[in-house]
Amino acid sequence: MLSQRVASALIFGPLLVLGVVLGGPLLAVMVLLIAVLGLREYAGLLRPGEGRMLAVVAYPAAALLIADAWLGTPPAGLVFLLAVASSLLYSLASSRGPGPADTGLTIFGLVYLPWFIGFILRTRALPGGLILALYTLFGTWAFDTVGYFVGVRWGRRRLCPAVSPGKSWEGTLAGLAGAVLVAAVANRWLGWPPAAWVALGLVAGLAAQLGDLLESAFKRHAGVKDAGNLIPGHGGVLDRFDSLLLVAPTVFYLAVLLGG
């Protein structure tokens, strides 16, 4: 599994980095692809009887939300309100009988995937956005990678065994140190005061851990090991990008708050 994880990371990682460096339509298309594939896996995690994602609303709304992020309109703008209104109207008008649970699950999926991952596009458009967007990737990967290897080797105290038995406090602290170290490297170009880049690393690392635990809770509730099987060694898109989903909006708002 480790060799598969490394091979997949060496293929998909550079592609995403290239998309961030080039920006523009290429990055928008890559982010949209992650959002759409992630929504498909999210719909598969919903158990029968609990509700379903309204695909006829979710996929067009995802495209609108990514376009909204690419064009740089306000993060909680009219496009998201349109997606919410569409879900409600479809629930009321459809003869297939969707209910409030379907609407709620659809709206949550739109927030969790296209809206959150779309913040990479918003971050890329900020002053210094290339470095910040790259940090969104490398800071997340540093947290995940350092935390994984330290947790496997030295992890003893379970962080949240009811949700993810493999996570440890030792791995989490090491992951935070990795995220802070990458923030220190990024700050060579950002020029933030020490308190700001340390806060960036710590808060982004915490967001990565929460994103991982949130997706683990989804899988445990659904009774599956992986959200999908698209990426060898990692599982599905959600398994690969779960941490990044929460880091993307976190870095954007921290950049606005701390970096001006």
C-alpha atoms as a PDB file:
ATOM      1  CA  MET A   1       0.000   0.000   0.000  1.00  0.00           C
ATOM      2  CA  LEU A   2       2.834   2.403   0.798  1.00  0.00           C
ATOM      3  CA  SER A   3       4.412   1.930  -2.626  1.00  0.00           C
ATOM      4  CA  GLN A   4       1.026   2.581  -4.257  1.00  0.00           C
ATOM      5  CA  ARG A   5       0.512   5.701  -2.147  1.00  0.00           C
ATOM      6  CA  VAL A   6       3.930   7.047  -3.120  1.00  0.00           C
ATOM      7  CA  ALA A   7       3.413   6.276  -6.818  1.00  0.00           C
ATOM      8  CA  SER A   8      -0.011   7.947  -6.848  1.00  0.00           C
ATOM      9  CA  ALA A   9       1.327  10.987  -5.007  1.00  0.00           C
ATOM     10  CA  LEU A  10       4.172  11.325  -7.511  1.00  0.00           C
ATOM     11  CA  ILE A  11       1.645  11.352 -10.351  1.00  0.00           C
ATOM     12  CA  PHE A  12      -1.270  13.401  -9.032  1.00  0.00           C
ATOM     13  CA  GLY A  13       0.701  15.769  -6.785  1.00  0.00           C
ATOM     14  CA  PRO A  14       2.812  17.390  -9.527  1.00  0.00           C
ATOM     15  CA  LEU A  15      -0.250  17.704 -11.762  1.00  0.00           C
ATOM     16  CA  LEU A  16      -2.079  19.693  -9.095  1.00  0.00           C
ATOM     17  CA  VAL A  17       1.005  21.796  -8.389  1.00  0.00           C
ATOM     18  CA  LEU A  18       1.267  22.547 -12.115  1.00  0.00           C
ATOM     19  CA  GLY A  19      -2.378  23.595 -12.132  1.00  0.00           C
ATOM     20  CA  VAL A  20      -1.789  25.984  -9.224  1.00  0.00           C
ATOM     21  CA  VAL A  21       1.338  27.457 -10.838  1.00  0.00           C
ATOM     22  CA  LEU A  22      -0.366  28.034 -14.193  1.00  0.00           C
ATOM     23  CA  GLY A  23      -3.694  29.057 -12.645  1.00  0.00           C
ATOM     24  CA  GLY A  24      -6.496  30.245 -14.906  1.00  0.00           C
ATOM     25  CA  PRO A  25      -8.850  27.837 -16.669  1.00  0.00           C
ATOM     26  CA  LEU A  26      -6.600  24.803 -16.111  1.00  0.00           C
ATOM     27  CA  LEU A  27      -6.771  25.153 -12.339  1.00  0.00           C
ATOM     28  CA  ALA A  28     -10.510  25.831 -12.486  1.00  0.00           C
ATOM     29  CA  VAL A  29     -11.092  22.645 -14.491  1.00  0.00           C
ATOM     30  CA  MET A  30      -8.939  20.579 -12.108  1.00  0.00           C
ATOM     31  CA  VAL A  31     -10.782  21.925  -9.073  1.00  0.00           C
ATOM     32  CA  LEU A  32     -14.138  21.279 -10.741  1.00  0.00           C
ATOM     33  CA  LEU A  33     -13.088  17.697 -11.482  1.00  0.00           C
ATOM     34  CA  ILE A  34     -12.155  17.143  -7.825  1.00  0.00           C
ATOM     35  CA  ALA A  35     -15.496  18.614  -6.739  1.00  0.00           C
ATOM     36  CA  VAL A  36     -17.585  16.512  -9.139  1.00  0.00           C
ATOM     37  CA  LEU A  37     -15.785  13.237  -8.391  1.00  0.00           C
ATOM     38  CA  GLY A  38     -15.945  14.024  -4.679  1.00  0.00           C
ATOM     39  CA  LEU A  39     -19.685  14.675  -4.875  1.00  0.00           C
ATOM     40  CA  ARG A  40     -20.156  11.305  -6.560  1.00  0.00           C
ATOM     41  CA  GLU A  41     -18.318   9.574  -3.710  1.00  0.00           C
ATOM     42  CA  TYR A  42     -20.190  11.626  -1.123  1.00  0.00           C
ATOM     43  CA  ALA A  43     -23.496  10.474  -2.609  1.00  0.00           C
ATOM     44  CA  GLY A  44     -22.266   6.877  -2.352  1.00  0.00           C
ATOM     45  CA  LEU A  45     -21.579   7.269   1.370  1.00  0.00           C
ATOM     46  CA  LEU A  46     -25.194   8.163   2.149  1.00  0.00           C
ATOM     47  CA  ARG A  47     -27.027   5.172   3.568  1.00  0.00           C
ATOM     48  CA  PRO A  48     -30.473   4.109   2.293  1.00  0.00           C
ATOM     49  CA  GLY A  49     -33.292   5.643   4.259  1.00  0.00           C
ATOM     50  CA  GLU A  50     -31.284   8.663   5.421  1.00  0.00           C
ATOM     51  CA  GLY A  51     -31.737  10.771   2.310  1.00  0.00           C
ATOM     52  CA  ARG A  52     -29.949  11.210  -0.988  1.00  0.00           C
ATOM     53  CA  MET A  53     -28.025  13.863  -2.813  1.00  0.00           C
ATOM     54  CA  LEU A  54     -30.119  15.551  -5.495  1.00  0.00           C
ATOM     55  CA  ALA A  55     -27.747  15.035  -8.427  1.00  0.00           C
ATOM     56  CA  VAL A  56     -29.869  17.111 -10.801  1.00  0.00           C
ATOM     57  CA  VAL A  57     -29.177  20.094  -8.536  1.00  0.00           C
ATOM     58  CA  ALA A  58     -25.760  19.237  -7.127  1.00  0.00           C
ATOM     59  CA  TYR A  59     -23.667  18.877 -10.282  1.00  0.00           C
ATOM     60  CA  PRO A  60     -24.842  22.050 -12.090  1.00  0.00           C
ATOM     61  CA  ALA A  61     -24.588  23.955  -8.808  1.00  0.00           C
ATOM     62  CA  ALA A  62     -21.041  22.646  -8.328  1.00  0.00           C
ATOM     63  CA  ALA A  63     -20.062  24.019 -11.731  1.00  0.00           C
ATOM     64  CA  LEU A  64     -21.607  27.386 -10.853  1.00  0.00           C
ATOM     65  CA  LEU A  65     -19.831  27.510  -7.496  1.00  0.00           C
ATOM     66  CA  ILE A  66     -16.439  26.762  -9.064  1.00  0.00           C
ATOM     67  CA  ALA A  67     -17.080  29.406 -11.742  1.00  0.00           C
ATOM     68  CA  ASP A  68     -18.072  31.773  -8.949  1.00  0.00           C
ATOM     69  CA  ALA A  69     -14.757  31.121  -7.172  1.00  0.00           C
ATOM     70  CA  TRP A  70     -12.757  31.470 -10.394  1.00  0.00           C
ATOM     71  CA  LEU A  71     -14.366  34.805 -11.241  1.00  0.00           C
ATOM     72  CA  GLY A  72     -13.629  36.045  -7.737  1.00  0.00           C
ATOM     73  CA  THR A  73     -17.091  37.057  -6.590  1.00  0.00           C
ATOM     74  CA  PRO A  74     -17.823  37.220  -2.839  1.00  0.00           C
ATOM     75  CA  PRO A  75     -17.486  33.757  -1.210  1.00  0.00           C
ATOM     76  CA  ALA A  76     -21.085  33.695   0.045  1.00  0.00           C
ATOM     77  CA  GLY A  77     -22.490  35.231  -3.115  1.00  0.00           C
ATOM     78  CA  LEU A  78     -25.572  34.873  -5.217  1.00  0.00           C
ATOM     79  CA  VAL A  79     -24.466  31.655  -6.892  1.00  0.00           C
ATOM     80  CA  PHE A  80     -24.524  29.738  -3.604  1.00  0.00           C
ATOM     81  CA  LEU A  81     -27.919  31.199  -2.748  1.00  0.00           C
ATOM     82  CA  LEU A  82     -29.104  30.096  -6.190  1.00  0.00           C
ATOM     83  CA  ALA A  83     -27.914  26.555  -5.473  1.00  0.00           C
ATOM     84  CA  VAL A  84     -29.789  26.513  -2.156  1.00  0.00           C
ATOM     85  CA  ALA A  85     -32.951  27.894  -3.748  1.00  0.00           C
ATOM     86  CA  SER A  86     -32.722  25.329  -6.562  1.00  0.00           C
ATOM     87  CA  SER A  87     -32.488  22.487  -4.058  1.00  0.00           C
ATOM     88  CA  LEU A  88     -35.530  23.711  -2.179  1.00  0.00           C
ATOM     89  CA  LEU A  89     -37.585  24.248  -5.324  1.00  0.00           C
ATOM     90  CA  TYR A  90     -36.679  20.833  -6.678  1.00  0.00           C
ATOM     91  CA  SER A  91     -37.653  19.241  -3.381  1.00  0.00           C
ATOM     92  CA  LEU A  92     -41.057  20.899  -3.507  1.00  0.00           C
ATOM     93  CA  ALA A  93     -41.783  20.325  -7.189  1.00  0.00           C
ATOM     94  CA  SER A  94     -40.346  16.887  -7.918  1.00  0.00           C
ATOM     95  CA  SER A  95     -42.730  13.978  -8.326  1.00  0.00           C
ATOM     96  CA  ARG A  96     -40.012  11.655  -7.022  1.00  0.00           C
ATOM     97  CA  GLY A  97     -40.746  12.888  -3.549  1.00  0.00           C
ATOM     98  CA  PRO A  98     -37.468  14.256  -2.129  1.00  0.00           C
ATOM     99  CA  GLY A  99     -37.836  15.603   1.352  1.00  0.00           C
ATOM    100  CA  PRO A 100     -36.028  17.975   3.706  1.00  0.00           C
ATOM    101  CA  ALA A 101     -33.283  15.405   4.351  1.00  0.00           C
ATOM    102  CA  ASP A 102     -32.460  15.269   0.631  1.00  0.00           C
ATOM    103  CA  THR A 103     -32.276  19.042   0.446  1.00  0.00           C
ATOM    104  CA  GLY A 104     -30.119  19.261   3.556  1.00  0.00           C
ATOM    105  CA  LEU A 105     -27.697  16.583   2.370  1.00  0.00           C
ATOM    106  CA  THR A 106     -27.432  18.232  -1.048  1.00  0.00           C
ATOM    107  CA  ILE A 107     -26.688  21.642   0.441  1.00  0.00           C
ATOM    108  CA  PHE A 108     -24.112  20.160   2.831  1.00  0.00           C
ATOM    109  CA  GLY A 109     -22.411  18.386  -0.085  1.00  0.00           C
ATOM    110  CA  LEU A 110     -22.223  21.661  -2.018  1.00  0.00           C
ATOM    111  CA  VAL A 111     -20.620  23.434   0.943  1.00  0.00           C
ATOM    112  CA  TYR A 112     -18.266  20.555   1.772  1.00  0.00           C
ATOM    113  CA  LEU A 113     -16.959  20.000  -1.754  1.00  0.00           C
ATOM    114  CA  PRO A 114     -17.274  22.673  -4.478  1.00  0.00           C
ATOM    115  CA  TRP A 115     -17.560  25.651  -2.139  1.00  0.00           C
ATOM    116  CA  PHE A 116     -14.656  24.609   0.119  1.00  0.00           C
ATOM    117  CA  ILE A 117     -12.298  23.375  -2.623  1.00  0.00           C
ATOM    118  CA  GLY A 118     -13.109  26.483  -4.661  1.00  0.00           C
ATOM    119  CA  PHE A 119     -11.190  28.576  -2.132  1.00  0.00           C
ATOM    120  CA  ILE A 120      -7.983  27.429  -3.823  1.00  0.00           C
ATOM    121  CA  LEU A 121      -9.050  29.558  -6.781  1.00  0.00           C
ATOM    122  CA  ARG A 122      -9.864  32.513  -4.526  1.00  0.00           C
ATOM    123  CA  THR A 123      -6.521  32.167  -2.741  1.00  0.00           C
ATOM    124  CA  ARG A 124      -4.652  31.997  -6.057  1.00  0.00           C
ATOM    125  CA  ALA A 125      -6.162  35.381  -7.002  1.00  0.00           C
ATOM    126  CA  LEU A 126      -4.905  37.151  -3.838  1.00  0.00           C
ATOM    127  CA  PRO A 127      -1.736  39.244  -3.714  1.00  0.00           C
ATOM    128  CA  GLY A 128       0.952  36.644  -3.107  1.00  0.00           C
ATOM    129  CA  GLY A 129      -1.683  34.096  -4.050  1.00  0.00           C
ATOM    130  CA  LEU A 130       0.671  31.719  -5.857  1.00  0.00           C
ATOM    131  CA  ILE A 131       2.717  31.142  -2.697  1.00  0.00           C
ATOM    132  CA  LEU A 132      -0.414  30.906  -0.539  1.00  0.00           C
ATOM    133  CA  ALA A 133      -2.092  28.438  -2.889  1.00  0.00           C
ATOM    134  CA  LEU A 134       1.071  26.345  -3.024  1.00  0.00           C
ATOM    135  CA  TYR A 135       1.185  26.428   0.752  1.00  0.00           C
ATOM    136  CA  THR A 136      -2.389  25.140   0.814  1.00  0.00           C
ATOM    137  CA  LEU A 137      -1.095  22.047  -0.994  1.00  0.00           C
ATOM    138  CA  PHE A 138       2.317  21.580   0.584  1.00  0.00           C
ATOM    139  CA  GLY A 139       1.219  22.501   4.092  1.00  0.00           C
ATOM    140  CA  THR A 140      -1.555  19.931   3.893  1.00  0.00           C
ATOM    141  CA  TRP A 141       0.735  17.270   2.462  1.00  0.00           C
ATOM    142  CA  ALA A 142       3.384  18.002   5.097  1.00  0.00           C
ATOM    143  CA  PHE A 143       0.831  17.576   7.869  1.00  0.00           C
ATOM    144  CA  ASP A 144      -0.501  14.337   6.401  1.00  0.00           C
ATOM    145  CA  THR A 145       2.888  12.825   5.547  1.00  0.00           C
ATOM    146  CA  VAL A 146       4.793  13.722   8.702  1.00  0.00           C
ATOM    147  CA  GLY A 147       1.815  12.833  10.863  1.00  0.00           C
ATOM    148  CA  TYR A 148       1.413   9.471   9.121  1.00  0.00           C
ATOM    149  CA  PHE A 149       5.023   8.317   9.493  1.00  0.00           C
ATOM    150  CA  VAL A 150       5.478   9.593  13.046  1.00  0.00           C
ATOM    151  CA  GLY A 151       2.121   8.102  14.036  1.00  0.00           C
ATOM    152  CA  VAL A 152       3.035   4.707  12.573  1.00  0.00           C
ATOM    153  CA  ARG A 153       6.451   4.683  14.235  1.00  0.00           C
ATOM    154  CA  TRP A 154       5.854   6.372  17.586  1.00  0.00           C
ATOM    155  CA  GLY A 155       2.107   6.840  17.962  1.00  0.00           C
ATOM    156  CA  ARG A 156       0.835   5.542  21.290  1.00  0.00           C
ATOM    157  CA  ARG A 157      -1.949   7.839  22.492  1.00  0.00           C
ATOM    158  CA  ARG A 158      -5.062   7.563  20.332  1.00  0.00           C
ATOM    159  CA  LEU A 159      -6.462  10.894  19.189  1.00  0.00           C
ATOM    160  CA  CYS A 160     -10.042   9.904  18.369  1.00  0.00           C
ATOM    161  CA  PRO A 161     -10.385   6.099  18.408  1.00  0.00           C
ATOM    162  CA  ALA A 162     -14.157   6.139  17.938  1.00  0.00           C
ATOM    163  CA  VAL A 163     -13.743   7.840  14.548  1.00  0.00           C
ATOM    164  CA  SER A 164     -10.229   6.974  13.329  1.00  0.00           C
ATOM    165  CA  PRO A 165      -8.326   4.402  15.439  1.00  0.00           C
ATOM    166  CA  GLY A 166      -5.075   4.981  13.542  1.00  0.00           C
ATOM    167  CA  LYS A 167      -4.726   8.662  14.446  1.00  0.00           C
ATOM    168  CA  SER A 168      -2.476   9.502  17.404  1.00  0.00           C
ATOM    169  CA  TRP A 169      -1.587  12.590  19.375  1.00  0.00           C
ATOM    170  CA  GLU A 170       2.080  12.047  18.491  1.00  0.00           C
ATOM    171  CA  GLY A 171       1.286  12.000  14.790  1.00  0.00           C
ATOM    172  CA  THR A 172      -0.917  15.079  15.073  1.00  0.00           C
ATOM    173  CA  LEU A 173       1.740  17.116  16.894  1.00  0.00           C
ATOM    174  CA  ALA A 174       4.382  16.050  14.394  1.00  0.00           C
ATOM    175  CA  GLY A 175       2.041  16.974  11.537  1.00  0.00           C
ATOM    176  CA  LEU A 176       1.517  20.424  13.046  1.00  0.00           C
ATOM    177  CA  ALA A 177       5.281  20.875  13.229  1.00  0.00           C
ATOM    178  CA  GLY A 178       5.506  19.912   9.557  1.00  0.00           C
ATOM    179  CA  ALA A 179       2.822  22.423   8.573  1.00  0.00           C
ATOM    180  CA  VAL A 180       4.592  25.180  10.541  1.00  0.00           C
ATOM    181  CA  LEU A 181       7.936  24.320   8.936  1.00  0.00           C
ATOM    182  CA  VAL A 182       6.437  24.619   5.447  1.00  0.00           C
ATOM    183  CA  ALA A 183       4.857  27.936   6.496  1.00  0.00           C
ATOM    184  CA  ALA A 184       8.324  29.151   7.502  1.00  0.00           C
ATOM    185  CA  VAL A 185       9.627  28.273   4.035  1.00  0.00           C
ATOM    186  CA  ALA A 186       6.652  29.974   2.348  1.00  0.00           C
ATOM    187  CA  ASN A 187       7.257  33.078   4.441  1.00  0.00           C
ATOM    188  CA  ARG A 188      10.532  33.691   2.614  1.00  0.00           C
ATOM    189  CA  TRP A 189       8.290  35.074  -0.145  1.00  0.00           C
ATOM    190  CA  LEU A 190       5.318  36.250   1.943  1.00  0.00           C
ATOM    191  CA  GLY A 191       7.275  38.397   4.381  1.00  0.00           C
ATOM    192  CA  TRP A 192       4.790  38.043   7.248  1.00  0.00           C
ATOM    193  CA  PRO A 193       5.800  38.630  10.886  1.00  0.00           C
ATOM    194  CA  PRO A 194       6.696  35.428  12.803  1.00  0.00           C
ATOM    195  CA  ALA A 195       3.444  35.278  14.751  1.00  0.00           C
ATOM    196  CA  ALA A 196       1.456  35.344  11.499  1.00  0.00           C
ATOM    197  CA  TRP A 197       3.212  32.512   9.679  1.00  0.00           C
ATOM    198  CA  VAL A 198       3.328  30.362  12.817  1.00  0.00           C
ATOM    199  CA  ALA A 199      -0.425  30.900  13.208  1.00  0.00           C
ATOM    200  CA  LEU A 200      -0.868  29.994   9.531  1.00  0.00           C
ATOM    201  CA  GLY A 201       0.941  26.688  10.013  1.00  0.00           C
ATOM    202  CA  LEU A 202      -0.825  25.767  13.241  1.00  0.00           C
ATOM    203  CA  VAL A 203      -4.353  26.663  12.154  1.00  0.00           C
ATOM    204  CA  ALA A 204      -3.930  25.094   8.716  1.00  0.00           C
ATOM    205  CA  GLY A 205      -2.595  21.932  10.365  1.00  0.00           C
ATOM    206  CA  LEU A 206      -5.576  21.786  12.710  1.00  0.00           C
ATOM    207  CA  ALA A 207      -7.910  22.254   9.743  1.00  0.00           C
ATOM    208  CA  ALA A 208      -6.170  19.360   7.962  1.00  0.00           C
ATOM    209  CA  GLN A 209      -6.703  17.112  10.971  1.00  0.00           C
ATOM    210  CA  LEU A 210     -10.359  18.085  11.285  1.00  0.00           C
ATOM    211  CA  GLY A 211     -10.899  17.470   7.571  1.00  0.00           C
ATOM    212  CA  ASP A 212      -9.391  14.013   7.872  1.00  0.00           C
ATOM    213  CA  LEU A 213     -11.498  13.147  10.924  1.00  0.00           C
ATOM    214  CA  LEU A 214     -14.672  14.464   9.293  1.00  0.00           C
ATOM    215  CA  GLU A 215     -14.251  12.210   6.276  1.00  0.00           C
ATOM    216  CA  SER A 216     -13.351   9.289   8.558  1.00  0.00           C
ATOM    217  CA  ALA A 217     -16.625   9.858  10.395  1.00  0.00           C
ATOM    218  CA  PHE A 218     -18.520   9.713   7.081  1.00  0.00           C
ATOM    219  CA  LYS A 219     -16.863   6.413   6.167  1.00  0.00           C
ATOM    220  CA  ARG A 220     -17.413   4.883   9.590  1.00  0.00           C
ATOM    221  CA  HIS A 221     -21.068   5.856   9.455  1.00  0.00           C
ATOM    222  CA  ALA A 222     -21.354   4.313   5.985  1.00  0.00           C
ATOM    223  CA  GLY A 223     -19.451   1.194   7.070  1.00  0.00           C
ATOM    224  CA  VAL A 224     -16.729   1.425   4.387  1.00  0.00           C
ATOM    225  CA  LYS A 225     -12.942   1.602   4.507  1.00  0.00           C
ATOM    226  CA  ASP A 226     -12.502   3.973   1.551  1.00  0.00           C
ATOM    227  CA  ALA A 227     -14.813   6.481  -0.116  1.00  0.00           C
ATOM    228  CA  GLY A 228     -13.827   5.147  -3.541  1.00  0.00           C
ATOM    229  CA  ASN A 229     -11.115   3.303  -5.465  1.00  0.00           C
ATOM    230  CA  LEU A 230     -10.059   5.843  -8.071  1.00  0.00           C
ATOM    231  CA  ILE A 231      -6.553   6.522  -6.700  1.00  0.00           C
ATOM    232  CA  PRO A 232      -4.397   3.437  -5.978  1.00  0.00           C
ATOM    233  CA  GLY A 233      -3.125   3.357  -2.410  1.00  0.00           C
ATOM    234  CA  HIS A 234      -5.338   6.239  -1.332  1.00  0.00           C
ATOM    235  CA  GLY A 235      -8.875   5.124  -2.164  1.00  0.00           C
ATOM    236  CA  GLY A 236     -11.100   7.786  -3.641  1.00  0.00           C
ATOM    237  CA  VAL A 237     -10.957  11.516  -4.230  1.00  0.00           C
ATOM    238  CA  LEU A 238     -12.363  12.188  -0.761  1.00  0.00           C
ATOM    239  CA  ASP A 239      -9.689   9.979   0.802  1.00  0.00           C
ATOM    240  CA  ARG A 240      -6.981  11.955  -0.970  1.00  0.00           C
ATOM    241  CA  PHE A 241      -8.348  15.467  -0.566  1.00  0.00           C
ATOM    242  CA  ASP A 242     -10.258  15.259   2.737  1.00  0.00           C
ATOM    243  CA  SER A 243      -7.719  17.373   4.620  1.00  0.00           C
ATOM    244  CA  LEU A 244      -7.374  19.880   1.783  1.00  0.00           C
ATOM    245  CA  LEU A 245     -11.108  20.595   1.769  1.00  0.00           C
ATOM    246  CA  LEU A 246     -10.903  22.370   5.136  1.00  0.00           C
ATOM    247  CA  VAL A 247      -7.411  23.796   4.663  1.00  0.00           C
ATOM    248  CA  ALA A 248      -8.396  25.702   1.489  1.00  0.00           C
ATOM    249  CA  PRO A 249     -10.917  28.090   3.122  1.00  0.00           C
ATOM    250  CA  THR A 250      -8.762  28.301   6.259  1.00  0.00           C
ATOM    251  CA  VAL A 251      -5.725  29.561   4.338  1.00  0.00           C
ATOM    252  CA  PHE A 252      -7.842  32.030   2.372  1.00  0.00           C
ATOM    253  CA  TYR A 253      -9.365  33.663   5.438  1.00  0.00           C
ATOM    254  CA  LEU A 254      -6.084  33.622   7.378  1.00  0.00           C
ATOM    255  CA  ALA A 255      -4.377  35.298   4.432  1.00  0.00           C
ATOM    256  CA  VAL A 256      -7.022  38.014   4.377  1.00  0.00           C
ATOM    257  CA  LEU A 257      -6.880  38.420   8.170  1.00  0.00           C
ATOM    258  CA  LEU A 258      -3.151  38.092   8.814  1.00  0.00           C
ATOM    259  CA  GLY A 259      -1.616  39.105   5.510  1.00  0.00           C
ATOM    260  CA  GLY A 260      -3.911  41.992   4.713  1.00  0.00           C
END
